[in-house]
C-alpha atoms as a PDB file:
ATOM      1  CA  MET A   1      18.667   9.885 -47.110  1.00  0.00           C
ATOM      2  CA  ARG A   2      16.083  12.466 -47.761  1.00  0.00           C
ATOM      3  CA  TRP A   3      15.199  10.819 -51.176  1.00  0.00           C
ATOM      4  CA  SER A   4      14.722   7.450 -49.621  1.00  0.00           C
ATOM      5  CA  SER A   5      12.455   8.797 -46.879  1.00  0.00           C
ATOM      6  CA  TYR A   6      10.453  10.631 -49.382  1.00  0.00           C
ATOM      7  CA  SER A   7      10.154   7.601 -51.547  1.00  0.00           C
ATOM      8  CA  THR A   8       8.953   5.528 -48.520  1.00  0.00           C
ATOM      9  CA  ARG A   9       6.323   8.188 -47.717  1.00  0.00           C
ATOM     10  CA  SER A  10       5.206   8.108 -51.344  1.00  0.00           C
ATOM     11  CA  GLU A  11       4.853   4.430 -51.387  1.00  0.00           C
ATOM     12  CA  ASP A  12       2.951   4.588 -48.147  1.00  0.00           C
ATOM     13  CA  TYR A  13       0.649   7.171 -49.595  1.00  0.00           C
ATOM     14  CA  GLY A  14       0.162   5.077 -52.783  1.00  0.00           C
ATOM     15  CA  SER A  15      -0.762   2.006 -50.644  1.00  0.00           C
ATOM     16  CA  GLU A  16      -3.276   4.021 -48.643  1.00  0.00           C
ATOM     17  CA  LYS A  17      -4.956   5.376 -51.916  1.00  0.00           C
ATOM     18  CA  GLY A  18      -4.896   1.829 -53.303  1.00  0.00           C
ATOM     19  CA  GLY A  19      -6.588   0.693 -50.090  1.00  0.00           C
ATOM     20  CA  GLU A  20      -9.458   3.199 -50.601  1.00  0.00           C
ATOM     21  CA  ASN A  21     -10.123   1.664 -54.097  1.00  0.00           C
ATOM     22  CA  VAL A  22     -10.696  -1.873 -52.689  1.00  0.00           C
ATOM     23  CA  LYS A  23     -14.186  -3.039 -53.486  1.00  0.00           C
ATOM     24  CA  THR A  24     -16.313  -4.576 -50.817  1.00  0.00           C
ATOM     25  CA  THR A  25     -18.171  -7.797 -51.366  1.00  0.00           C
ATOM     26  CA  TRP A  26     -21.892  -8.148 -51.812  1.00  0.00           C
ATOM     27  CA  GLY A  27     -22.064  -9.826 -48.307  1.00  0.00           C
ATOM     28  CA  GLU A  28     -20.318  -6.962 -46.584  1.00  0.00           C
ATOM     29  CA  ARG A  29     -22.639  -4.412 -48.271  1.00  0.00           C
ATOM     30  CA  SER A  30     -25.646  -6.384 -47.294  1.00  0.00           C
ATOM     31  CA  PHE A  31     -24.451  -6.698 -43.659  1.00  0.00           C
ATOM     32  CA  ASP A  32     -23.801  -2.932 -43.478  1.00  0.00           C
ATOM     33  CA  ALA A  33     -27.258  -2.258 -44.903  1.00  0.00           C
ATOM     34  CA  LEU A  34     -29.056  -4.659 -42.493  1.00  0.00           C
ATOM     35  CA  ASN A  35     -26.941  -3.342 -39.589  1.00  0.00           C
ATOM     36  CA  ALA A  36     -27.846   0.271 -40.307  1.00  0.00           C
ATOM     37  CA  ALA A  37     -31.595  -0.585 -40.795  1.00  0.00           C
ATOM     38  CA  PHE A  38     -31.625  -2.527 -37.496  1.00  0.00           C
ATOM     39  CA  LEU A  39     -29.771   0.281 -35.548  1.00  0.00           C
ATOM     40  CA  THR A  40     -32.184   2.897 -37.068  1.00  0.00           C
ATOM     41  CA  ILE A  41     -35.237   0.931 -36.003  1.00  0.00           C
ATOM     42  CA  PHE A  42     -33.865   0.204 -32.600  1.00  0.00           C
ATOM     43  CA  GLY A  43     -32.981   3.930 -32.066  1.00  0.00           C
ATOM     44  CA  LEU A  44     -36.480   5.005 -33.168  1.00  0.00           C
ATOM     45  CA  ALA A  45     -38.043   2.457 -30.711  1.00  0.00           C
ATOM     46  CA  THR A  46     -35.927   3.948 -27.977  1.00  0.00           C
ATOM     47  CA  LEU A  47     -36.613   7.535 -28.945  1.00  0.00           C
ATOM     48  CA  TYR A  48     -40.352   7.144 -29.238  1.00  0.00           C
ATOM     49  CA  PRO A  49     -41.297   6.860 -25.505  1.00  0.00           C
ATOM     50  CA  LEU A  50     -38.860   9.656 -24.583  1.00  0.00           C
ATOM     51  CA  LEU A  51     -40.244  11.876 -27.142  1.00  0.00           C
ATOM     52  CA  TYR A  52     -43.726  10.986 -26.126  1.00  0.00           C
ATOM     53  CA  ILE A  53     -43.068  11.794 -22.423  1.00  0.00           C
ATOM     54  CA  ILE A  54     -41.480  15.222 -23.342  1.00  0.00           C
ATOM     55  CA  THR A  55     -44.437  16.130 -25.562  1.00  0.00           C
ATOM     56  CA  LEU A  56     -46.970  15.092 -22.826  1.00  0.00           C
ATOM     57  CA  SER A  57     -45.139  17.244 -20.235  1.00  0.00           C
ATOM     58  CA  PHE A  58     -45.720  20.398 -22.331  1.00  0.00           C
ATOM     59  CA  SER A  59     -49.305  19.599 -23.501  1.00  0.00           C
ATOM     60  CA  THR A  60     -52.423  21.165 -22.316  1.00  0.00           C
ATOM     61  CA  PRO A  61     -55.123  18.960 -20.408  1.00  0.00           C
ATOM     62  CA  ALA A  62     -57.161  18.683 -23.650  1.00  0.00           C
ATOM     63  CA  ASP A  63     -54.157  17.480 -25.687  1.00  0.00           C
ATOM     64  CA  ALA A  64     -53.007  15.114 -22.939  1.00  0.00           C
ATOM     65  CA  LEU A  65     -56.527  13.571 -22.578  1.00  0.00           C
ATOM     66  CA  ALA A  66     -56.699  12.971 -26.286  1.00  0.00           C
ATOM     67  CA  MET A  67     -54.043  10.202 -25.773  1.00  0.00           C
ATOM     68  CA  LYS A  68     -52.517  10.872 -29.240  1.00  0.00           C
ATOM     69  CA  PHE A  69     -48.868  11.087 -30.284  1.00  0.00           C
ATOM     70  CA  TYR A  70     -47.578  14.396 -31.508  1.00  0.00           C
ATOM     71  CA  TRP A  71     -44.002  15.189 -32.579  1.00  0.00           C
ATOM     72  CA  PHE A  72     -44.413  18.526 -30.899  1.00  0.00           C
ATOM     73  CA  PRO A  73     -46.924  19.894 -28.445  1.00  0.00           C
ATOM     74  CA  LEU A  74     -49.879  21.495 -30.246  1.00  0.00           C
ATOM     75  CA  HIS A  75     -50.479  24.085 -27.535  1.00  0.00           C
ATOM     76  CA  PRO A  76     -47.255  24.273 -25.456  1.00  0.00           C
ATOM     77  CA  THR A  77     -47.678  25.186 -21.800  1.00  0.00           C
ATOM     78  CA  LEU A  78     -45.233  25.237 -18.740  1.00  0.00           C
ATOM     79  CA  MET A  79     -48.016  24.799 -16.084  1.00  0.00           C
ATOM     80  CA  SER A  80     -46.926  21.236 -15.381  1.00  0.00           C
ATOM     81  CA  TYR A  81     -43.398  22.151 -14.866  1.00  0.00           C
ATOM     82  CA  GLU A  82     -44.310  25.176 -12.671  1.00  0.00           C
ATOM     83  CA  LYS A  83     -46.257  22.825 -10.430  1.00  0.00           C
ATOM     84  CA  VAL A  84     -43.581  20.125 -10.335  1.00  0.00           C
ATOM     85  CA  LEU A  85     -40.633  22.475  -9.774  1.00  0.00           C
ATOM     86  CA  ALA A  86     -42.469  24.262  -6.935  1.00  0.00           C
ATOM     87  CA  HIS A  87     -42.818  20.955  -4.990  1.00  0.00           C
ATOM     88  CA  PRO A  88     -40.626  21.165  -1.931  1.00  0.00           C
ATOM     89  CA  ASP A  89     -39.752  17.395  -2.026  1.00  0.00           C
ATOM     90  CA  LEU A  90     -38.427  17.686  -5.497  1.00  0.00           C
ATOM     91  CA  LEU A  91     -35.979  20.497  -4.574  1.00  0.00           C
ATOM     92  CA  SER A  92     -34.898  18.669  -1.429  1.00  0.00           C
ATOM     93  CA  ALA A  93     -34.331  15.445  -3.525  1.00  0.00           C
ATOM     94  CA  TYR A  94     -32.218  17.414  -5.981  1.00  0.00           C
ATOM     95  CA  GLY A  95     -30.035  18.734  -3.117  1.00  0.00           C
ATOM     96  CA  ASN A  96     -29.756  15.244  -1.601  1.00  0.00           C
ATOM     97  CA  THR A  97     -28.729  13.768  -4.876  1.00  0.00           C
ATOM     98  CA  LEU A  98     -26.161  16.426  -5.576  1.00  0.00           C
ATOM     99  CA  ILE A  99     -24.630  15.889  -2.146  1.00  0.00           C
ATOM    100  CA  ARG A 100     -24.668  12.172  -2.438  1.00  0.00           C
ATOM    101  CA  THR A 101     -23.053  12.220  -5.782  1.00  0.00           C
ATOM    102  CA  GLY A 102     -20.270  14.639  -4.715  1.00  0.00           C
ATOM    103  CA  VAL A 103     -19.536  12.919  -1.516  1.00  0.00           C
ATOM    104  CA  GLY A 104     -19.741   9.422  -3.096  1.00  0.00           C
ATOM    105  CA  ILE A 105     -17.234  10.309  -5.823  1.00  0.00           C
ATOM    106  CA  ALA A 106     -14.740  11.773  -3.249  1.00  0.00           C
ATOM    107  CA  ILE A 107     -14.925   8.739  -1.031  1.00  0.00           C
ATOM    108  CA  SER A 108     -15.002   6.115  -3.816  1.00  0.00           C
ATOM    109  CA  LEU A 109     -11.958   7.713  -5.563  1.00  0.00           C
ATOM    110  CA  THR A 110      -9.947   7.856  -2.361  1.00  0.00           C
ATOM    111  CA  MET A 111     -10.594   4.376  -1.103  1.00  0.00           C
ATOM    112  CA  THR A 112     -10.179   2.793  -4.499  1.00  0.00           C
ATOM    113  CA  ALA A 113      -6.902   4.481  -5.072  1.00  0.00           C
ATOM    114  CA  MET A 114      -5.651   3.552  -1.589  1.00  0.00           C
ATOM    115  CA  ILE A 115      -6.420  -0.070  -2.469  1.00  0.00           C
ATOM    116  CA  ALA A 116      -5.314  -0.197  -6.098  1.00  0.00           C
ATOM    117  CA  TYR A 117      -1.938   1.404  -5.474  1.00  0.00           C
ATOM    118  CA  PRO A 118      -0.452  -1.286  -3.124  1.00  0.00           C
ATOM    119  CA  LEU A 119      -1.965  -4.051  -5.239  1.00  0.00           C
ATOM    120  CA  SER A 120      -0.200  -2.639  -8.322  1.00  0.00           C
ATOM    121  CA  ARG A 121       3.137  -2.971  -6.739  1.00  0.00           C
ATOM    122  CA  ARG A 122       4.721  -6.478  -7.279  1.00  0.00           C
ATOM    123  CA  THR A 123       6.516  -6.383  -3.891  1.00  0.00           C
ATOM    124  CA  PHE A 124       3.322  -6.141  -1.944  1.00  0.00           C
ATOM    125  CA  PRO A 125       2.883  -9.249   0.145  1.00  0.00           C
ATOM    126  CA  HIS A 126      -0.038 -11.629  -0.559  1.00  0.00           C
ATOM    127  CA  ARG A 127      -0.900  -9.562  -3.622  1.00  0.00           C
ATOM    128  CA  LYS A 128      -2.347 -12.448  -5.624  1.00  0.00           C
ATOM    129  CA  LEU A 129      -4.382 -13.750  -2.722  1.00  0.00           C
ATOM    130  CA  ILE A 130      -5.988 -10.384  -2.081  1.00  0.00           C
ATOM    131  CA  MET A 131      -6.779  -9.991  -5.790  1.00  0.00           C
ATOM    132  CA  LYS A 132      -8.494 -13.403  -5.854  1.00  0.00           C
ATOM    133  CA  LEU A 133     -10.720 -12.312  -2.885  1.00  0.00           C
ATOM    134  CA  PHE A 134     -11.688  -9.190  -4.798  1.00  0.00           C
ATOM    135  CA  VAL A 135     -12.554 -11.229  -7.863  1.00  0.00           C
ATOM    136  CA  PHE A 136     -14.530 -13.670  -5.618  1.00  0.00           C
ATOM    137  CA  SER A 137     -16.552 -10.623  -4.274  1.00  0.00           C
ATOM    138  CA  MET A 138     -17.557  -9.886  -7.920  1.00  0.00           C
ATOM    139  CA  LEU A 139     -19.093 -13.264  -8.332  1.00  0.00           C
ATOM    140  CA  PHE A 140     -20.766 -13.781  -4.909  1.00  0.00           C
ATOM    141  CA  SER A 141     -22.186 -11.385  -2.297  1.00  0.00           C
ATOM    142  CA  GLY A 142     -23.856 -11.612   1.124  1.00  0.00           C
ATOM    143  CA  GLY A 143     -27.260 -10.446  -0.177  1.00  0.00           C
ATOM    144  CA  THR A 144     -29.521  -7.611   0.709  1.00  0.00           C
ATOM    145  CA  ILE A 145     -30.530  -8.704   4.179  1.00  0.00           C
ATOM    146  CA  PRO A 146     -27.031  -9.188   5.656  1.00  0.00           C
ATOM    147  CA  MET A 147     -26.141  -5.762   4.200  1.00  0.00           C
ATOM    148  CA  PHE A 148     -29.206  -4.159   5.783  1.00  0.00           C
ATOM    149  CA  LEU A 149     -28.355  -5.754   9.065  1.00  0.00           C
ATOM    150  CA  LEU A 150     -24.866  -4.519   8.865  1.00  0.00           C
ATOM    151  CA  VAL A 151     -25.911  -0.918   8.036  1.00  0.00           C
ATOM    152  CA  LYS A 152     -28.470  -1.052  10.858  1.00  0.00           C
ATOM    153  CA  ASN A 153     -25.953  -2.369  13.426  1.00  0.00           C
ATOM    154  CA  LEU A 154     -23.457   0.390  12.469  1.00  0.00           C
ATOM    155  CA  GLY A 155     -26.139   2.987  13.163  1.00  0.00           C
ATOM    156  CA  LEU A 156     -26.139   4.340   9.551  1.00  0.00           C
ATOM    157  CA  LEU A 157     -29.844   4.190   8.866  1.00  0.00           C
ATOM    158  CA  ASN A 158     -31.419   7.503   7.788  1.00  0.00           C
ATOM    159  CA  THR A 159     -27.967   8.984   7.239  1.00  0.00           C
ATOM    160  CA  LEU A 160     -25.940  10.033   4.216  1.00  0.00           C
ATOM    161  CA  TRP A 161     -23.334   7.394   5.023  1.00  0.00           C
ATOM    162  CA  ALA A 162     -25.780   4.637   4.273  1.00  0.00           C
ATOM    163  CA  LEU A 163     -25.996   5.789   0.766  1.00  0.00           C
ATOM    164  CA  VAL A 164     -22.289   6.186   0.018  1.00  0.00           C
ATOM    165  CA  LEU A 165     -20.380   3.748   2.263  1.00  0.00           C
ATOM    166  CA  PRO A 166     -21.700   0.273   1.314  1.00  0.00           C
ATOM    167  CA  GLY A 167     -20.785   0.660  -2.323  1.00  0.00           C
ATOM    168  CA  ALA A 168     -17.831   2.963  -1.851  1.00  0.00           C
ATOM    169  CA  VAL A 169     -15.374   0.498  -3.481  1.00  0.00           C
ATOM    170  CA  SER A 170     -16.175  -1.553  -6.545  1.00  0.00           C
ATOM    171  CA  ALA A 171     -13.994  -4.491  -7.423  1.00  0.00           C
ATOM    172  CA  PHE A 172     -14.215  -3.786 -11.151  1.00  0.00           C
ATOM    173  CA  ASN A 173     -13.257  -0.210 -10.723  1.00  0.00           C
ATOM    174  CA  MET A 174     -10.336  -1.106  -8.450  1.00  0.00           C
ATOM    175  CA  ILE A 175      -9.019  -3.661 -11.017  1.00  0.00           C
ATOM    176  CA  VAL A 176      -9.192  -1.134 -13.809  1.00  0.00           C
ATOM    177  CA  MET A 177      -7.357   1.411 -11.744  1.00  0.00           C
ATOM    178  CA  ARG A 178      -4.719  -1.052 -10.611  1.00  0.00           C
ATOM    179  CA  ASN A 179      -4.014  -2.011 -14.183  1.00  0.00           C
ATOM    180  CA  PHE A 180      -3.534   1.630 -15.040  1.00  0.00           C
ATOM    181  CA  PHE A 181      -1.155   2.113 -12.051  1.00  0.00           C
ATOM    182  CA  GLU A 182       0.810  -0.848 -13.309  1.00  0.00           C
ATOM    183  CA  GLY A 183       1.366   0.766 -16.639  1.00  0.00           C
ATOM    184  CA  ILE A 184       3.375   3.739 -14.917  1.00  0.00           C
ATOM    185  CA  PRO A 185       6.971   3.214 -15.477  1.00  0.00           C
ATOM    186  CA  ALA A 186       8.716   1.727 -12.487  1.00  0.00           C
ATOM    187  CA  GLU A 187      11.703   3.820 -13.025  1.00  0.00           C
ATOM    188  CA  ILE A 188       9.777   6.974 -12.016  1.00  0.00           C
ATOM    189  CA  ILE A 189       8.665   5.403  -8.775  1.00  0.00           C
ATOM    190  CA  GLU A 190      12.099   3.979  -7.998  1.00  0.00           C
ATOM    191  CA  SER A 191      13.676   7.405  -8.456  1.00  0.00           C
ATOM    192  CA  ALA A 192      11.305   8.957  -6.022  1.00  0.00           C
ATOM    193  CA  ARG A 193      12.032   6.351  -3.509  1.00  0.00           C
ATOM    194  CA  ILE A 194      15.787   6.947  -3.955  1.00  0.00           C
ATOM    195  CA  ASP A 195      15.203  10.560  -3.258  1.00  0.00           C
ATOM    196  CA  GLY A 196      13.615   9.435   0.092  1.00  0.00           C
ATOM    197  CA  ALA A 197       9.857   9.729  -0.721  1.00  0.00           C
ATOM    198  CA  SER A 198       7.511   7.594   1.267  1.00  0.00           C
ATOM    199  CA  GLU A 199       4.786   5.351  -0.288  1.00  0.00           C
ATOM    200  CA  MET A 200       2.222   7.911   0.528  1.00  0.00           C
ATOM    201  CA  ARG A 201       4.231  10.699  -1.056  1.00  0.00           C
ATOM    202  CA  VAL A 202       4.803   8.674  -4.180  1.00  0.00           C
ATOM    203  CA  LEU A 203       1.041   8.030  -4.438  1.00  0.00           C
ATOM    204  CA  MET A 204       0.204  11.737  -3.980  1.00  0.00           C
ATOM    205  CA  ARG A 205       3.014  13.351  -5.940  1.00  0.00           C
ATOM    206  CA  ILE A 206       3.831  10.827  -8.654  1.00  0.00           C
ATOM    207  CA  VAL A 207       1.101   8.260  -9.255  1.00  0.00           C
ATOM    208  CA  LEU A 208      -2.102  10.244  -8.977  1.00  0.00           C
ATOM    209  CA  PRO A 209      -0.959  13.222 -11.170  1.00  0.00           C
ATOM    210  CA  LEU A 210      -0.158  10.717 -13.840  1.00  0.00           C
ATOM    211  CA  SER A 211      -3.446   8.995 -13.421  1.00  0.00           C
ATOM    212  CA  VAL A 212      -5.821  11.774 -14.227  1.00  0.00           C
ATOM    213  CA  PRO A 213      -7.445   9.974 -17.237  1.00  0.00           C
ATOM    214  CA  VAL A 214      -8.442   6.903 -15.133  1.00  0.00           C
ATOM    215  CA  MET A 215      -9.528   9.017 -12.124  1.00  0.00           C
ATOM    216  CA  ALA A 216     -11.850  11.103 -14.497  1.00  0.00           C
ATOM    217  CA  VAL A 217     -13.307   8.007 -15.849  1.00  0.00           C
ATOM    218  CA  MET A 218     -14.000   6.524 -12.438  1.00  0.00           C
ATOM    219  CA  ALA A 219     -15.556   9.761 -11.236  1.00  0.00           C
ATOM    220  CA  LEU A 220     -17.918   9.577 -14.188  1.00  0.00           C
ATOM    221  CA  TRP A 221     -18.817   6.019 -13.462  1.00  0.00           C
ATOM    222  CA  VAL A 222     -19.399   6.523  -9.762  1.00  0.00           C
ATOM    223  CA  GLY A 223     -21.281   9.814 -10.428  1.00  0.00           C
ATOM    224  CA  VAL A 224     -23.722   8.220 -12.832  1.00  0.00           C
ATOM    225  CA  ALA A 225     -24.269   5.265 -10.584  1.00  0.00           C
ATOM    226  CA  HIS A 226     -25.044   7.492  -7.544  1.00  0.00           C
ATOM    227  CA  TRP A 227     -27.419   9.685  -9.665  1.00  0.00           C
ATOM    228  CA  ASN A 228     -29.450   6.662 -10.739  1.00  0.00           C
ATOM    229  CA  HIS A 229     -29.525   4.537  -7.552  1.00  0.00           C
ATOM    230  CA  TRP A 230     -32.782   4.464  -5.674  1.00  0.00           C
ATOM    231  CA  PHE A 231     -33.044   1.013  -4.065  1.00  0.00           C
ATOM    232  CA  ASP A 232     -30.566   1.635  -1.221  1.00  0.00           C
ATOM    233  CA  ALA A 233     -32.260   4.968  -0.421  1.00  0.00           C
ATOM    234  CA  LEU A 234     -35.568   2.963  -0.250  1.00  0.00           C
ATOM    235  CA  ILE A 235     -34.324   0.301   2.258  1.00  0.00           C
ATOM    236  CA  TYR A 236     -31.908   2.479   4.267  1.00  0.00           C
ATOM    237  CA  THR A 237     -34.062   5.689   4.746  1.00  0.00           C
ATOM    238  CA  THR A 238     -37.528   5.774   6.325  1.00  0.00           C
ATOM    239  CA  ASP A 239     -38.196   9.481   6.000  1.00  0.00           C
ATOM    240  CA  ASN A 240     -37.856  12.138   3.369  1.00  0.00           C
ATOM    241  CA  ARG A 241     -34.753  13.665   4.906  1.00  0.00           C
ATOM    242  CA  TRP A 242     -32.417  11.892   2.529  1.00  0.00           C
ATOM    243  CA  GLN A 243     -34.898  11.170  -0.294  1.00  0.00           C
ATOM    244  CA  VAL A 244     -33.015  11.171  -3.652  1.00  0.00           C
ATOM    245  CA  LEU A 245     -34.371  12.065  -6.992  1.00  0.00           C
ATOM    246  CA  GLN A 246     -34.984   8.505  -8.301  1.00  0.00           C
ATOM    247  CA  LEU A 247     -36.773   7.559  -5.143  1.00  0.00           C
ATOM    248  CA  PHE A 248     -38.950  10.760  -5.505  1.00  0.00           C
ATOM    249  CA  LEU A 249     -39.656   9.697  -9.079  1.00  0.00           C
ATOM    250  CA  ARG A 250     -40.625   6.192  -8.049  1.00  0.00           C
ATOM    251  CA  ARG A 251     -42.975   7.431  -5.308  1.00  0.00           C
ATOM    252  CA  THR A 252     -44.590   9.960  -7.643  1.00  0.00           C
ATOM    253  CA  VAL A 253     -44.948   7.951 -10.790  1.00  0.00           C
ATOM    254  CA  VAL A 254     -44.970   4.285  -9.786  1.00  0.00           C
ATOM    255  CA  ASP A 255     -46.258   4.100  -6.287  1.00  0.00           C
ATOM    256  CA  ALA A 256     -48.366   7.293  -6.304  1.00  0.00           C
ATOM    257  CA  THR A 257     -47.646   7.805  -2.702  1.00  0.00           C
ATOM    258  CA  VAL A 258     -46.531  11.406  -3.231  1.00  0.00           C
ATOM    259  CA  SER A 259     -49.102  13.869  -4.382  1.00  0.00           C
ATOM    260  CA  LEU A 260     -48.007  16.828  -6.687  1.00  0.00           C
ATOM    261  CA  THR A 261     -51.398  18.559  -6.102  1.00  0.00           C
ATOM    262  CA  PRO A 262     -52.187  18.318  -2.383  1.00  0.00           C
ATOM    263  CA  GLY A 263     -55.444  19.845  -1.441  1.00  0.00           C
ATOM    264  CA  GLU A 264     -56.215  21.427  -4.857  1.00  0.00           C
ATOM    265  CA  ASP A 265     -59.581  21.627  -6.436  1.00  0.00           C
ATOM    266  CA  ILE A 266     -60.129  18.833  -9.102  1.00  0.00           C
ATOM    267  CA  ASN A 267     -61.674  21.323 -11.646  1.00  0.00           C
ATOM    268  CA  ARG A 268     -58.545  23.510 -11.509  1.00  0.00           C
ATOM    269  CA  ILE A 269     -56.345  20.451 -12.002  1.00  0.00           C
ATOM    270  CA  ASN A 270     -58.291  19.450 -15.099  1.00  0.00           C
ATOM    271  CA  GLU A 271     -58.153  22.947 -16.497  1.00  0.00           C
ATOM    272  CA  GLU A 272     -54.355  23.677 -16.028  1.00  0.00           C
ATOM    273  CA  TYR A 273     -52.744  20.160 -16.013  1.00  0.00           C
ATOM    274  CA  THR A 274     -53.510  16.432 -15.755  1.00  0.00           C
ATOM    275  CA  PRO A 275     -51.993  13.783 -13.476  1.00  0.00           C
ATOM    276  CA  GLU A 276     -50.305  12.300 -16.598  1.00  0.00           C
ATOM    277  CA  SER A 277     -48.767  15.632 -17.648  1.00  0.00           C
ATOM    278  CA  LEU A 278     -47.474  16.196 -14.131  1.00  0.00           C
ATOM    279  CA  LYS A 279     -45.956  12.719 -13.950  1.00  0.00           C
ATOM    280  CA  ALA A 280     -44.326  13.318 -17.470  1.00  0.00           C
ATOM    281  CA  ALA A 281     -42.973  16.687 -16.150  1.00  0.00           C
ATOM    282  CA  THR A 282     -41.520  15.033 -13.195  1.00  0.00           C
ATOM    283  CA  ILE A 283     -39.749  12.352 -15.323  1.00  0.00           C
ATOM    284  CA  VAL A 284     -38.279  14.971 -17.569  1.00  0.00           C
ATOM    285  CA  ALA A 285     -37.129  17.141 -14.646  1.00  0.00           C
ATOM    286  CA  VAL A 286     -35.411  14.246 -12.988  1.00  0.00           C
ATOM    287  CA  THR A 287     -33.824  12.837 -16.132  1.00  0.00           C
ATOM    288  CA  LEU A 288     -32.963  16.061 -17.964  1.00  0.00           C
ATOM    289  CA  PRO A 289     -29.565  16.746 -16.169  1.00  0.00           C
ATOM    290  CA  ILE A 290     -28.062  13.302 -16.803  1.00  0.00           C
ATOM    291  CA  LEU A 291     -29.644  13.208 -20.306  1.00  0.00           C
ATOM    292  CA  PHE A 292     -27.845  16.224 -21.282  1.00  0.00           C
ATOM    293  CA  LEU A 293     -24.531  15.134 -19.725  1.00  0.00           C
ATOM    294  CA  TYR A 294     -24.444  11.546 -21.079  1.00  0.00           C
ATOM    295  CA  PRO A 295     -23.667  12.375 -24.681  1.00  0.00           C
ATOM    296  CA  PHE A 296     -20.636  14.350 -23.637  1.00  0.00           C
ATOM    297  CA  ILE A 297     -19.258  11.667 -21.278  1.00  0.00           C
ATOM    298  CA  GLN A 298     -20.161   8.470 -23.330  1.00  0.00           C
ATOM    299  CA  ARG A 299     -16.878   8.301 -25.002  1.00  0.00           C
ATOM    300  CA  TYR A 300     -15.079   8.302 -21.510  1.00  0.00           C
ATOM    301  CA  PHE A 301     -17.048   5.245 -20.694  1.00  0.00           C
ATOM    302  CA  VAL A 302     -15.516   3.187 -23.589  1.00  0.00           C
ATOM    303  CA  LYS A 303     -12.182   4.809 -22.980  1.00  0.00           C
ATOM    304  CA  GLY A 304     -12.280   3.853 -19.263  1.00  0.00           C
ATOM    305  CA  ILE A 305     -12.995   0.210 -20.154  1.00  0.00           C
ATOM    306  CA  MET A 306     -10.079   0.156 -22.560  1.00  0.00           C
ATOM    307  CA  LEU A 307      -7.720   1.687 -19.952  1.00  0.00           C
ATOM    308  CA  GLY A 308      -7.496  -1.580 -17.919  1.00  0.00           C
ATOM    309  CA  SER A 309      -8.244  -4.135 -20.659  1.00  0.00           C
ATOM    310  CA  VAL A 310      -4.646  -4.780 -21.755  1.00  0.00           C
ATOM    311  CA  LYS A 311      -3.290  -6.059 -18.498  1.00  0.00           C
ATOM    312  CA  GLY A 312      -4.862  -8.487 -16.085  1.00  0.00           C
END
């Protein structure tokens, strides 16, 4: 028995070694080379504007006004960042974005799990009809104006709830979570019911502890979405009380309705920083947190899509 198992492993190892010696065709090598060249050019084209903005944000007024591209700042300075980070609206926007992201993740995960769990049980009445309605909502929506009127009539304008409640449940996220719940063995749930556990207890004590991977992925998806959203804050808020980072960035860089140097002498501005360097520093300050976080969470995005791709 031991010899046969050893022989089998030896044959498998030999086949693996033989697989390494298989020669690729000229077409496959050409495709790999063209694919690598295309991805390299695309990556450099994507990296160039980002590197230019970072270099401009650290440049002196003379280097910024030269309008030339440098791999690194010739005379690095932090004057632009000191001015941008001292702006009270930026600090307020950071706080609003962090609050919105945290509250949005908590509400979205709670509501999505409460919907996905009953739809994952085959004994739930009208299960297929409800799923069709959710799929229909992915293809058609009421539009911006009806949603604005709904938020207004509910009295949610200029509140945090206008930023987290309208998009609290995503049909796509719910379907992914439902498919993950369906993969949990039914015997575990049935044994808990035999012991007298209610549906809420089964969800809280059995299903959710076994669903940590999909819950983590949903938290990442929702968190990144809340961090990048700005349009809902633009139409649902009319003051700066709940101004988020992306809206502050738009008003500073695109609309130029927010001044980073109110009441300052133009000569001092030209000596210490330029409007272009201030805008570049604002872009870097707003984008930096998610830019550093994204490489670590990118693999979870792919994993999250694969979690619910097997079952439909």
